[in-house]
Protein backbone atom coordinates (compact mmCIF):
# COMPACT_ATOMS: atom_id res chain seq x y z
CA MET A 1 41.74 14.92 -70.22
CA GLU A 2 38.48 13.33 -68.87
CA LYS A 3 36.20 15.21 -71.34
CA LYS A 4 38.35 14.37 -74.33
CA THR A 5 38.25 10.57 -73.02
CA ILE A 6 34.49 10.86 -72.88
CA LEU A 7 34.05 12.63 -76.24
CA THR A 8 36.31 9.64 -77.50
CA THR A 9 34.35 7.18 -76.07
CA PHE A 10 30.75 8.49 -76.93
CA GLY A 11 32.46 8.87 -80.46
CA LEU A 12 33.36 5.17 -80.78
CA MET A 13 29.72 4.43 -79.30
CA MET A 14 28.46 6.32 -82.12
CA MET A 15 30.20 4.48 -84.77
CA MET A 16 29.24 0.96 -83.32
CA LEU A 17 25.71 2.16 -83.37
CA ILE A 18 25.94 3.13 -86.96
CA LEU A 19 27.82 0.28 -87.91
CA SER A 20 25.12 -2.12 -86.22
CA ALA A 21 22.26 -0.32 -87.76
CA THR A 22 22.47 -3.09 -90.77
CA THR A 23 18.49 -2.97 -90.44
CA ALA A 24 16.58 -1.07 -93.23
CA ARG A 25 17.69 2.63 -93.96
CA ALA A 26 20.92 2.70 -92.11
CA ASP A 27 21.60 5.80 -93.76
CA LEU A 28 18.44 7.62 -92.08
CA CYS A 29 19.48 6.17 -88.85
CA GLN A 30 22.92 7.54 -89.08
CA ASP A 31 21.50 10.92 -90.05
CA ALA A 32 19.21 10.94 -86.96
CA LEU A 33 21.56 9.90 -84.59
CA LYS A 34 24.11 12.52 -85.74
CA ALA A 35 21.18 15.03 -85.77
CA LEU A 36 20.04 14.32 -82.06
CA LEU A 37 23.73 14.42 -80.66
CA PRO A 38 22.85 17.94 -79.09
CA CYS A 39 20.20 16.19 -77.44
CA MET A 40 22.32 13.66 -75.60
CA PRO A 41 23.05 15.43 -72.51
CA PHE A 42 19.25 15.97 -71.87
CA LEU A 43 18.11 12.64 -72.96
CA THR A 44 21.14 10.99 -70.53
CA GLY A 45 20.03 13.38 -67.46
CA SER A 46 23.16 15.31 -67.10
CA ASP A 47 21.76 18.30 -68.48
CA PRO A 48 19.21 20.86 -67.08
CA PRO A 49 15.76 19.76 -67.47
CA THR A 50 15.15 21.36 -70.67
CA PRO A 51 16.59 20.24 -74.22
CA SER A 52 18.63 22.98 -75.83
CA ALA A 53 17.48 24.81 -79.03
CA ASN A 54 19.83 22.73 -81.21
CA CYS A 55 18.38 19.67 -79.77
CA CYS A 56 15.02 20.96 -81.08
CA LEU A 57 16.35 21.73 -84.33
CA GLY A 58 17.57 18.40 -84.44
CA ALA A 59 14.59 16.72 -83.39
CA ASN A 60 12.54 18.41 -85.83
CA GLU A 61 14.89 17.88 -88.43
CA VAL A 62 14.53 14.07 -87.71
CA LEU A 63 10.75 14.27 -88.14
CA ASN A 64 11.00 16.01 -91.27
CA LYS A 65 13.02 13.09 -92.58
CA ALA A 66 10.55 10.38 -91.45
CA THR A 67 8.09 10.62 -94.07
CA THR A 68 6.75 7.16 -94.74
CA SER A 69 5.80 4.19 -92.89
CA GLU A 70 9.16 2.42 -93.71
CA ASP A 71 11.27 5.49 -92.02
CA ARG A 72 9.29 5.55 -88.91
CA LYS A 73 9.92 1.70 -88.48
CA ALA A 74 13.56 1.79 -89.16
CA LEU A 75 14.04 4.98 -86.97
CA CYS A 76 12.27 3.15 -84.23
CA VAL A 77 14.53 0.34 -84.45
CA CYS A 78 17.43 2.64 -84.42
CA PHE A 79 16.20 4.72 -81.52
CA LYS A 80 15.51 1.87 -79.54
CA ASN A 81 19.01 0.02 -80.01
CA ALA A 82 20.74 3.76 -79.59
CA ALA A 83 18.80 4.19 -76.23
CA ALA A 84 19.78 0.97 -74.86
CA GLN A 85 23.20 1.29 -75.63
CA ASP A 86 23.57 5.06 -74.46
CA GLY A 87 21.82 5.20 -71.12
CA VAL A 88 18.93 7.21 -72.54
CA LYS A 89 16.51 7.80 -69.96
CA SER A 90 12.99 7.07 -71.32
CA ASP A 91 11.15 9.59 -69.36
CA ARG A 92 13.35 12.14 -71.07
CA ALA A 93 12.90 10.64 -74.39
CA GLU A 94 8.91 11.09 -73.91
CA GLN A 95 9.25 14.38 -72.63
CA LEU A 96 11.39 15.63 -75.64
CA PRO A 97 8.65 16.22 -78.20
CA ASP A 98 6.35 18.55 -76.05
CA LEU A 99 9.76 20.50 -74.72
CA CYS A 100 10.39 21.22 -78.16
CA LYS A 101 6.74 21.81 -79.28
CA ILE A 102 6.76 19.18 -81.93
CA LYS A 103 4.35 16.58 -82.81
CA VAL A 104 5.62 13.06 -83.62
CA PRO A 105 3.39 10.32 -85.50
CA VAL A 106 4.62 7.28 -82.93
CA PRO A 107 4.40 6.83 -79.45
CA ILE A 108 8.06 7.28 -77.78
CA LYS A 109 7.82 4.73 -75.26
CA PRO A 110 10.45 1.97 -74.66
CA GLY A 111 7.93 -1.01 -75.30
CA VAL A 112 6.55 0.37 -78.56
CA ASP A 113 6.68 -2.37 -81.43
CA CYS A 114 8.49 -0.94 -84.32
CA ASN A 115 6.74 -3.55 -86.86
CA LYS A 116 3.34 -2.03 -86.15
CA LEU A 117 4.18 1.66 -87.03
């Protein structure tokens, strides 16, 4: 019962994030958040110290969609909003690219200025 409540709550939070992503490219934000769902246990610190294979696949999928500067800016805003609302640990977010062996074109830091990407 508790697991179902947590999943329902998480689903509602994701819906709110998706609806609040009215900045540029809300569709890109929605797709990226969905692709990164398998990463949430790692990013929030409730999973072992390495991301799952599905998490890394999702992270790579997001990276492949961020092809323009506007895409990267939109995803930056999207992720900053999601991280603040979902309790993402910034140190875990910074580790994700290295652990998944992917290179990201932008720094993964809470203080990054999305407008300068």
